[in-house]
Amino acid sequence: MLVTLLKTLWHGLLGFVYYYPLFMSYLWMLGATLFYWRYERNENLYYQPTVLLNTPPVSILIPCYNEGDNAEETLSHALAMNYPDYEVIAINDGSKDNTAEVLDRMASLYPRLRVVHLAQNQGKAMALQAGSLLAKHEILLCIDGDALLDKHAAHWMVRHFVEDPEVAAVTGNPRIRNRSTLLGRVQVGEFSSIVGMIKRAQRSFGRLFTVSGVITAFRKSAVHQVGYWSADMLTEDIDITWKLQRDGWDVRFEPHALVWILMPETISGLWKQRLRWAMGGAQVLLKNLNVIRHPSQNHLWPLMLELCLSLVWSYAMLLMLIIWLVGSLSPIKFLPAVGSPIIPQSSGVLLGATCLMQFAISKWLDSRYDKGLGRNYYWMIWYPLVFWLINISSTIVAFPKVLFRHEGKRARWVSPDRGIRP
């Protein structure tokens, strides 16, 4: 009886581990295709947006921490924005390098630029709040200190605020700048096939799980209404997305709003980044789990279900790996003989084909914004081997770390891996 029950549970676990990513992949492809059909296919011009009759002024907020090597380039792109009325506010969050000197020198050259110096490192959330309180305008376009903003990005994002007063945030389309290594090239495809595709799909089906912290425009009154960014959240972008949507605001994705960013190109840098992302997701899960008790917020239930199932799936993979190892080493065979869950078997052919299909569709969707994107298709064969393992492992490690994390602890940032620069 016990053996039969164990076998039943084992087959159920195998089914969930196999079919869940398969189902989600087809759901993302369907949702992304619907998004393209509804919003993107009629945009004949790749970059030049429709001229807006109403162009409200914009405040561009750029929080910086130890960005001495990147700040001048980032500010130069922001100050070259093709938009009639905007200001740029750079917030130096207690940097320990020459960021302050670079920002002050740039401010002396450009009247549009204002610089704020925080005495100590307070974290990105507090830097953004300081910038928003000093901003003159209602629309806040927030980018990272290493991001290169496309000159038309503001036009593409502002139109959503003009069209609908219920829009609180519009997130853009980050593109990878550094592509000199295998990790860099694979991330180029990841930001299309995973990040961009999921945002399209989630927008088609209802709500976004998160805006991209590297480029998002906010309605200042909406951010003020929900209490600004949370200083204790490791991923302030996920948290503010949920706060706004739980308060009834609309959050949108604008693929034409481009920004070029640097990403980690070492395993250690990638692991630190993904662990922080996973811990931020776990924090948001625990903080917003009570959404299921509020029928008025049922529009967020699918996102919460996906978040919970993704967490369960990662631990199911860990459990399968442990059981497989025990079964392989134990002389007593009480479970059906199965292969390693991390080494592709014959049943992985469909998963592999689906993965390649997802990569192909996503590259087709984003090729209009990122020329030559198709050349990275070859490198995506490495994605399941490297990134799935890192993302699954980071999720497994993150949840207990968040459970035992001191509540209310300030989330301060450190200098991330910016990749290999020429």
Protein backbone atom coordinates (compact mmCIF):
# COMPACT_ATOMS: atom_id res chain seq x y z
CA MET A 1 0.00 0.00 0.00
CA LEU A 2 2.79 2.42 0.92
CA VAL A 3 4.75 1.56 -2.21
CA THR A 4 1.66 2.17 -4.36
CA LEU A 5 1.06 5.53 -2.70
CA LEU A 6 4.69 6.54 -3.19
CA LYS A 7 4.55 5.58 -6.86
CA THR A 8 1.34 7.59 -7.32
CA LEU A 9 2.88 10.63 -5.67
CA TRP A 10 6.02 10.18 -7.73
CA HIS A 11 4.11 10.08 -11.02
CA GLY A 12 2.11 13.13 -9.95
CA LEU A 13 5.33 14.98 -9.15
CA LEU A 14 6.82 14.00 -12.50
CA GLY A 15 3.70 15.20 -14.29
CA PHE A 16 3.72 18.58 -12.56
CA VAL A 17 7.43 19.18 -13.12
CA TYR A 18 7.09 18.27 -16.80
CA TYR A 19 3.77 19.86 -17.76
CA TYR A 20 3.88 23.11 -15.75
CA PRO A 21 6.69 24.81 -17.74
CA LEU A 22 5.21 23.38 -20.95
CA PHE A 23 1.79 24.89 -20.18
CA MET A 24 3.26 28.25 -19.15
CA SER A 25 5.40 28.45 -22.28
CA TYR A 26 2.40 28.03 -24.59
CA LEU A 27 0.39 30.45 -22.46
CA TRP A 28 3.16 33.08 -22.78
CA MET A 29 3.43 32.56 -26.54
CA LEU A 30 -0.31 32.90 -26.96
CA GLY A 31 -0.51 36.01 -24.78
CA ALA A 32 2.48 37.67 -26.45
CA THR A 33 1.03 37.01 -29.90
CA LEU A 34 -2.30 38.52 -28.82
CA PHE A 35 -0.46 41.58 -27.49
CA TYR A 36 1.34 42.00 -30.81
CA TRP A 37 -1.92 41.65 -32.74
CA ARG A 38 -3.72 44.22 -30.58
CA TYR A 39 -1.01 46.79 -29.93
CA GLU A 40 2.13 46.39 -32.04
CA ARG A 41 1.23 45.27 -35.56
CA ASN A 42 -0.33 48.60 -36.53
CA GLU A 43 2.69 50.60 -35.41
CA ASN A 44 4.31 51.09 -38.81
CA LEU A 45 7.22 53.19 -37.56
CA TYR A 46 9.79 51.35 -35.49
CA TYR A 47 11.06 54.24 -33.39
CA GLN A 48 9.36 57.50 -34.32
CA PRO A 49 6.14 57.70 -32.27
CA THR A 50 2.96 59.45 -33.26
CA VAL A 51 3.23 63.15 -32.47
CA LEU A 52 1.30 63.87 -29.28
CA LEU A 53 -0.99 66.88 -29.18
CA ASN A 54 -0.60 66.94 -25.42
CA THR A 55 2.97 66.60 -24.14
CA PRO A 56 2.96 67.12 -20.35
CA PRO A 57 6.39 67.82 -18.86
CA VAL A 58 8.47 64.92 -17.56
CA SER A 59 10.98 64.54 -14.72
CA ILE A 60 13.68 61.95 -15.42
CA LEU A 61 14.97 60.43 -12.18
CA ILE A 62 18.37 58.67 -12.17
CA PRO A 63 19.45 57.18 -8.82
CA CYS A 64 23.19 56.52 -8.78
CA TYR A 65 25.42 54.53 -6.47
CA ASN A 66 29.10 54.16 -7.44
CA GLU A 67 28.33 54.95 -11.08
CA GLY A 68 31.40 57.07 -11.78
CA ASP A 69 32.24 54.99 -14.87
CA ASN A 70 28.72 55.18 -16.32
CA ALA A 71 27.09 58.38 -15.08
CA GLU A 72 28.32 60.74 -17.80
CA GLU A 73 27.19 58.47 -20.63
CA THR A 74 23.83 57.83 -18.96
CA LEU A 75 23.18 61.52 -18.33
CA SER A 76 24.25 62.47 -21.86
CA HIS A 77 21.60 60.18 -23.33
CA ALA A 78 18.92 61.37 -20.90
CA LEU A 79 19.72 65.02 -21.70
CA ALA A 80 19.44 64.29 -25.43
CA MET A 81 15.79 63.24 -25.10
CA ASN A 82 13.62 64.23 -28.07
CA TYR A 83 10.85 65.73 -25.94
CA PRO A 84 9.72 69.36 -25.59
CA ASP A 85 9.73 69.82 -21.81
CA TYR A 86 11.66 67.75 -19.29
CA GLU A 87 14.12 67.94 -16.43
CA VAL A 88 16.75 65.44 -15.30
CA ILE A 89 17.37 64.77 -11.60
CA ALA A 90 20.40 62.64 -10.66
CA ILE A 91 20.37 61.33 -7.09
CA ASN A 92 23.79 60.42 -5.72
CA ASP A 93 22.99 57.86 -3.02
CA GLY A 94 26.11 58.20 -0.87
CA SER A 95 28.51 56.91 -3.53
CA LYS A 96 32.05 56.08 -2.46
CA ASP A 97 33.68 56.63 -5.85
CA ASN A 98 33.84 59.76 -8.02
CA THR A 99 30.12 59.78 -8.87
CA ALA A 100 29.56 63.08 -7.02
CA GLU A 101 32.31 64.85 -9.00
CA VAL A 102 30.97 63.56 -12.33
CA LEU A 103 27.41 64.62 -11.53
CA ASP A 104 28.42 68.10 -10.34
CA ARG A 105 30.54 68.67 -13.45
CA MET A 106 27.65 67.64 -15.69
CA ALA A 107 25.23 69.87 -13.77
CA SER A 108 27.47 72.89 -14.42
CA LEU A 109 27.19 72.24 -18.16
CA TYR A 110 23.48 71.44 -18.53
CA PRO A 111 20.72 73.70 -17.10
CA ARG A 112 18.17 70.87 -17.34
CA LEU A 113 20.16 68.74 -14.90
CA ARG A 114 19.78 68.95 -11.12
CA VAL A 115 21.87 66.88 -8.72
CA VAL A 116 20.91 65.68 -5.25
CA HIS A 117 23.54 64.26 -2.88
CA LEU A 118 22.45 61.95 -0.06
CA ALA A 119 24.96 61.85 2.78
CA GLN A 120 24.73 58.07 3.22
CA ASN A 121 23.68 55.12 1.10
CA GLN A 122 19.94 54.77 1.73
CA GLY A 123 19.01 52.32 -1.03
CA LYS A 124 17.37 52.78 -4.41
CA ALA A 125 13.84 53.08 -2.99
CA MET A 126 14.80 56.04 -0.80
CA ALA A 127 16.80 57.63 -3.62
CA LEU A 128 13.77 57.45 -5.90
CA GLN A 129 11.55 58.92 -3.20
CA ALA A 130 13.96 61.80 -2.65
CA GLY A 131 14.01 62.49 -6.38
CA SER A 132 10.23 62.32 -6.71
CA LEU A 133 9.73 64.78 -3.85
CA LEU A 134 12.02 67.26 -5.60
CA ALA A 135 10.58 66.68 -9.08
CA LYS A 136 8.62 69.55 -10.60
CA HIS A 137 6.43 67.43 -12.85
CA GLU A 138 3.68 64.82 -12.51
CA ILE A 139 5.25 62.17 -14.75
CA LEU A 140 8.42 60.55 -13.39
CA LEU A 141 10.57 58.61 -15.84
CA CYS A 142 12.93 56.48 -13.72
CA ILE A 143 16.04 54.78 -15.13
CA ASP A 144 19.16 53.19 -13.65
CA GLY A 145 22.54 54.89 -13.42
CA ASP A 146 24.06 52.74 -16.19
CA ALA A 147 21.11 52.88 -18.62
CA LEU A 148 21.17 54.60 -22.01
CA LEU A 149 17.72 55.99 -22.76
CA ASP A 150 16.40 56.01 -26.33
CA LYS A 151 15.63 59.57 -27.39
CA HIS A 152 11.97 58.76 -28.22
CA ALA A 153 11.23 56.75 -25.04
CA ALA A 154 9.35 59.57 -23.29
CA HIS A 155 6.94 60.03 -26.21
CA TRP A 156 6.04 56.35 -26.25
CA MET A 157 5.44 56.21 -22.50
CA VAL A 158 3.68 59.55 -21.99
CA ARG A 159 0.94 58.70 -24.48
CA HIS A 160 -0.44 56.10 -22.04
CA PHE A 161 -0.79 58.69 -19.28
CA VAL A 162 -2.48 61.09 -21.69
CA GLU A 163 -4.91 58.46 -22.99
CA ASP A 164 -6.04 57.09 -19.62
CA PRO A 165 -6.01 58.85 -16.21
CA GLU A 166 -6.13 55.42 -14.52
CA VAL A 167 -2.62 54.56 -15.74
CA ALA A 168 -0.13 54.78 -12.86
CA ALA A 169 2.97 53.27 -14.47
CA VAL A 170 4.34 52.34 -17.89
CA THR A 171 7.35 50.06 -18.11
CA GLY A 172 9.69 49.99 -21.07
CA ASN A 173 11.72 47.47 -23.06
CA PRO A 174 15.30 46.95 -21.76
CA ARG A 175 17.89 45.78 -24.29
CA ILE A 176 21.30 44.34 -23.41
CA ARG A 177 24.36 46.42 -24.34
CA ASN A 178 27.21 44.04 -23.47
CA ARG A 179 27.27 40.99 -25.76
CA SER A 180 30.93 40.00 -25.80
CA THR A 181 30.60 36.79 -23.75
CA LEU A 182 28.37 33.73 -23.79
CA LEU A 183 26.45 34.91 -20.70
CA GLY A 184 25.89 38.31 -22.30
CA ARG A 185 24.63 36.81 -25.57
CA VAL A 186 22.30 34.41 -23.81
CA GLN A 187 20.83 37.28 -21.77
CA VAL A 188 20.05 39.14 -25.00
CA GLY A 189 17.72 36.29 -25.89
CA GLU A 190 16.45 35.95 -22.33
CA PHE A 191 15.21 39.54 -22.21
CA SER A 192 13.13 38.84 -25.33
CA SER A 193 12.01 35.25 -24.86
CA ILE A 194 11.38 35.49 -21.11
CA VAL A 195 11.14 39.09 -19.90
CA GLY A 196 9.56 40.74 -22.94
CA MET A 197 7.32 37.82 -23.81
CA ILE A 198 5.99 37.42 -20.28
CA LYS A 199 5.22 41.14 -19.99
CA ARG A 200 3.32 41.02 -23.26
CA ALA A 201 1.39 37.94 -22.15
CA GLN A 202 0.58 39.30 -18.70
CA ARG A 203 -0.63 42.56 -20.21
CA SER A 204 -2.89 40.58 -22.58
CA PHE A 205 -4.39 38.56 -19.75
CA GLY A 206 -4.74 41.32 -17.17
CA ARG A 207 -1.97 42.60 -14.89
CA LEU A 208 1.84 42.79 -14.84
CA PHE A 209 3.83 40.96 -12.19
CA THR A 210 6.47 43.69 -12.22
CA VAL A 211 7.67 46.75 -14.04
CA SER A 212 11.32 46.90 -15.08
CA GLY A 213 13.21 48.92 -12.49
CA VAL A 214 15.67 50.01 -15.16
CA ILE A 215 12.99 51.93 -17.12
CA THR A 216 9.52 52.83 -15.86
CA ALA A 217 7.47 56.00 -15.96
CA PHE A 218 5.17 56.73 -13.01
CA ARG A 219 2.31 59.09 -12.27
CA LYS A 220 3.62 60.91 -9.20
CA SER A 221 0.20 61.31 -7.57
CA ALA A 222 -0.36 57.53 -7.80
CA VAL A 223 3.02 56.76 -6.25
CA HIS A 224 2.29 59.25 -3.48
CA GLN A 225 -1.12 57.66 -2.89
CA VAL A 226 0.39 54.21 -2.24
CA GLY A 227 3.20 55.51 -0.02
CA TYR A 228 6.10 55.58 -2.50
CA TRP A 229 8.64 52.78 -2.87
CA SER A 230 9.21 50.47 0.10
CA ALA A 231 12.66 50.91 1.63
CA ASP A 232 12.78 47.35 3.03
CA MET A 233 12.05 45.54 -0.26
CA LEU A 234 15.02 44.10 -2.14
CA THR A 235 13.24 44.60 -5.46
CA GLU A 236 11.42 47.89 -5.20
CA ASP A 237 10.13 47.54 -8.77
CA ILE A 238 8.09 44.39 -8.01
CA ASP A 239 6.75 45.88 -4.79
CA ILE A 240 5.60 49.19 -6.29
CA THR A 241 3.87 47.29 -9.13
CA TRP A 242 1.78 45.30 -6.66
CA LYS A 243 1.07 48.34 -4.49
CA LEU A 244 -0.26 50.30 -7.44
CA GLN A 245 -2.36 47.47 -8.84
CA ARG A 246 -3.79 46.54 -5.45
CA ASP A 247 -4.85 50.18 -5.12
CA GLY A 248 -6.78 49.94 -8.39
CA TRP A 249 -4.31 51.59 -10.76
CA ASP A 250 -3.42 50.31 -14.22
CA VAL A 251 0.17 49.34 -15.12
CA ARG A 252 1.19 48.93 -18.77
CA PHE A 253 4.04 47.66 -20.94
CA GLU A 254 5.37 49.76 -23.83
CA PRO A 255 7.79 47.77 -26.04
CA HIS A 256 8.77 50.84 -28.09
CA ALA A 257 10.25 52.57 -25.03
CA LEU A 258 13.83 51.34 -25.27
CA VAL A 259 16.73 51.56 -22.87
CA TRP A 260 20.15 49.94 -23.25
CA ILE A 261 21.54 48.35 -20.11
CA LEU A 262 24.57 46.47 -18.77
CA MET A 263 24.16 42.99 -17.31
CA PRO A 264 26.45 40.62 -15.37
CA GLU A 265 28.83 38.51 -17.46
CA THR A 266 30.27 36.36 -14.70
CA ILE A 267 28.63 33.43 -12.93
CA SER A 268 29.12 35.04 -9.50
CA GLY A 269 27.64 38.35 -10.65
CA LEU A 270 24.72 36.59 -12.30
CA TRP A 271 24.07 34.52 -9.18
CA LYS A 272 24.01 37.60 -6.92
CA GLN A 273 21.60 39.36 -9.28
CA ARG A 274 19.23 36.40 -9.62
CA LEU A 275 19.30 35.69 -5.88
CA ARG A 276 18.30 39.30 -5.19
CA TRP A 277 15.50 39.05 -7.77
CA ALA A 278 14.31 35.77 -6.24
CA MET A 279 14.40 37.17 -2.71
CA GLY A 280 12.44 40.21 -3.89
CA GLY A 281 9.83 37.94 -5.46
CA ALA A 282 9.59 35.94 -2.24
CA GLN A 283 9.13 39.13 -0.23
CA VAL A 284 6.30 40.24 -2.51
CA LEU A 285 4.66 36.80 -2.28
CA LEU A 286 4.64 36.86 1.52
CA LYS A 287 3.56 40.49 1.66
CA ASN A 288 0.68 40.09 -0.81
CA LEU A 289 -0.51 36.54 -0.11
CA ASN A 290 -3.56 38.01 1.62
CA VAL A 291 -4.80 39.22 -1.77
CA ILE A 292 -6.69 35.92 -2.01
CA ARG A 293 -8.93 37.10 0.85
CA HIS A 294 -10.09 40.12 -1.16
CA PRO A 295 -12.54 39.27 -3.97
CA SER A 296 -12.34 42.86 -5.18
CA GLN A 297 -8.71 42.19 -6.10
CA ASN A 298 -9.33 38.96 -7.98
CA HIS A 299 -7.60 40.47 -11.00
CA LEU A 300 -4.33 39.73 -9.17
CA TRP A 301 -5.16 36.13 -8.28
CA PRO A 302 -3.67 34.66 -11.49
CA LEU A 303 -0.36 36.44 -10.79
CA MET A 304 -0.31 35.14 -7.22
CA LEU A 305 -1.16 31.63 -8.41
CA GLU A 306 1.67 31.73 -10.94
CA LEU A 307 4.08 33.00 -8.29
CA CYS A 308 3.11 30.21 -5.87
CA LEU A 309 3.22 27.50 -8.53
CA SER A 310 6.64 28.66 -9.72
CA LEU A 311 7.94 28.41 -6.15
CA VAL A 312 6.42 24.95 -5.71
CA TRP A 313 7.86 23.86 -9.07
CA SER A 314 11.39 24.86 -8.05
CA TYR A 315 11.15 22.86 -4.82
CA ALA A 316 9.58 19.97 -6.74
CA MET A 317 12.65 19.93 -8.97
CA LEU A 318 14.84 19.82 -5.87
CA LEU A 319 12.79 16.98 -4.40
CA MET A 320 13.02 15.01 -7.65
CA LEU A 321 16.78 15.48 -7.72
CA ILE A 322 17.11 14.24 -4.13
CA ILE A 323 14.87 11.24 -4.75
CA TRP A 324 16.73 10.40 -7.96
CA LEU A 325 20.08 10.53 -6.15
CA VAL A 326 18.78 8.39 -3.29
CA GLY A 327 17.24 5.93 -5.72
CA SER A 328 20.43 5.70 -7.74
CA LEU A 329 22.58 5.04 -4.69
CA SER A 330 20.17 2.83 -2.76
CA PRO A 331 20.18 -0.92 -3.41
CA ILE A 332 16.43 -1.03 -2.70
CA LYS A 333 14.45 0.12 -5.77
CA PHE A 334 11.11 1.30 -4.35
CA LEU A 335 10.44 3.90 -7.08
CA PRO A 336 10.19 3.57 -10.87
CA ALA A 337 13.51 3.90 -12.66
CA VAL A 338 13.86 7.44 -13.99
CA GLY A 339 16.64 9.57 -15.38
CA SER A 340 18.13 12.68 -13.87
CA PRO A 341 15.69 15.62 -13.77
CA ILE A 342 18.49 17.99 -14.85
CA ILE A 343 19.69 15.92 -17.83
CA PRO A 344 17.32 15.88 -20.84
CA GLN A 345 15.63 12.55 -21.55
CA SER A 346 13.46 11.42 -24.46
CA SER A 347 10.49 13.19 -22.88
CA GLY A 348 12.48 16.41 -23.08
CA VAL A 349 12.20 16.56 -26.86
CA LEU A 350 8.84 18.35 -26.68
CA LEU A 351 10.14 20.70 -24.00
CA GLY A 352 13.21 21.47 -26.12
CA ALA A 353 11.13 22.08 -29.24
CA THR A 354 8.75 24.32 -27.30
CA CYS A 355 11.69 26.24 -25.87
CA LEU A 356 13.12 26.84 -29.35
CA MET A 357 9.68 27.90 -30.61
CA GLN A 358 9.35 30.39 -27.75
CA PHE A 359 12.81 31.82 -28.52
CA ALA A 360 11.95 32.14 -32.22
CA ILE A 361 8.63 33.93 -31.62
CA SER A 362 10.15 36.29 -29.07
CA LYS A 363 13.04 37.21 -31.36
CA TRP A 364 10.58 37.90 -34.16
CA LEU A 365 8.56 40.17 -31.85
CA ASP A 366 11.59 42.17 -30.67
CA SER A 367 13.60 42.18 -33.91
CA ARG A 368 11.99 45.47 -34.94
CA TYR A 369 13.51 47.15 -31.86
CA ASP A 370 16.85 45.32 -31.71
CA LYS A 371 18.50 44.89 -35.12
CA GLY A 372 20.41 41.64 -35.64
CA LEU A 373 18.63 39.93 -32.76
CA GLY A 374 18.23 36.74 -34.78
CA ARG A 375 21.99 36.18 -34.68
CA ASN A 376 21.66 35.36 -30.97
CA TYR A 377 19.24 32.49 -31.62
CA TYR A 378 22.12 30.03 -31.82
CA TRP A 379 23.36 30.90 -28.34
CA MET A 380 19.98 30.23 -26.70
CA ILE A 381 20.70 26.50 -26.69
CA TRP A 382 22.72 27.22 -23.53
CA TYR A 383 19.84 28.91 -21.73
CA PRO A 384 18.24 25.82 -20.12
CA LEU A 385 21.62 24.46 -19.03
CA VAL A 386 22.93 27.59 -17.30
CA PHE A 387 20.05 29.93 -16.53
CA TRP A 388 17.41 27.37 -15.53
CA LEU A 389 19.81 25.92 -12.98
CA ILE A 390 20.73 29.36 -11.64
CA ASN A 391 17.13 30.59 -11.51
CA ILE A 392 15.82 27.40 -9.87
CA SER A 393 18.68 27.35 -7.36
CA SER A 394 18.23 31.03 -6.50
CA THR A 395 14.51 30.51 -5.91
CA ILE A 396 15.21 27.56 -3.60
CA VAL A 397 17.81 29.53 -1.62
CA ALA A 398 15.86 32.81 -1.57
CA PHE A 399 12.66 31.71 0.15
CA PRO A 400 14.21 30.57 3.49
CA LYS A 401 16.52 33.61 3.45
CA VAL A 402 13.47 35.88 3.23
CA LEU A 403 11.59 33.92 5.90
CA PHE A 404 14.43 34.49 8.37
CA ARG A 405 15.26 38.02 7.22
CA HIS A 406 14.80 40.70 9.86
CA GLU A 407 11.51 42.44 9.17
CA GLY A 408 11.84 46.09 8.19
CA LYS A 409 15.57 45.81 7.41
CA ARG A 410 16.63 48.55 4.98
CA ALA A 411 17.42 47.24 1.49
CA ARG A 412 20.62 49.02 0.51
CA TRP A 413 22.24 48.35 -2.82
CA VAL A 414 25.82 47.45 -3.64
CA SER A 415 27.73 47.93 -6.89
CA PRO A 416 26.54 45.17 -9.26
CA ASP A 417 28.50 43.30 -11.93
CA ARG A 418 28.26 45.54 -15.01
CA GLY A 419 29.80 43.00 -17.36
CA ILE A 420 33.06 43.06 -19.31
CA ARG A 421 33.63 46.51 -20.82
CA PRO A 422 35.92 47.12 -23.81
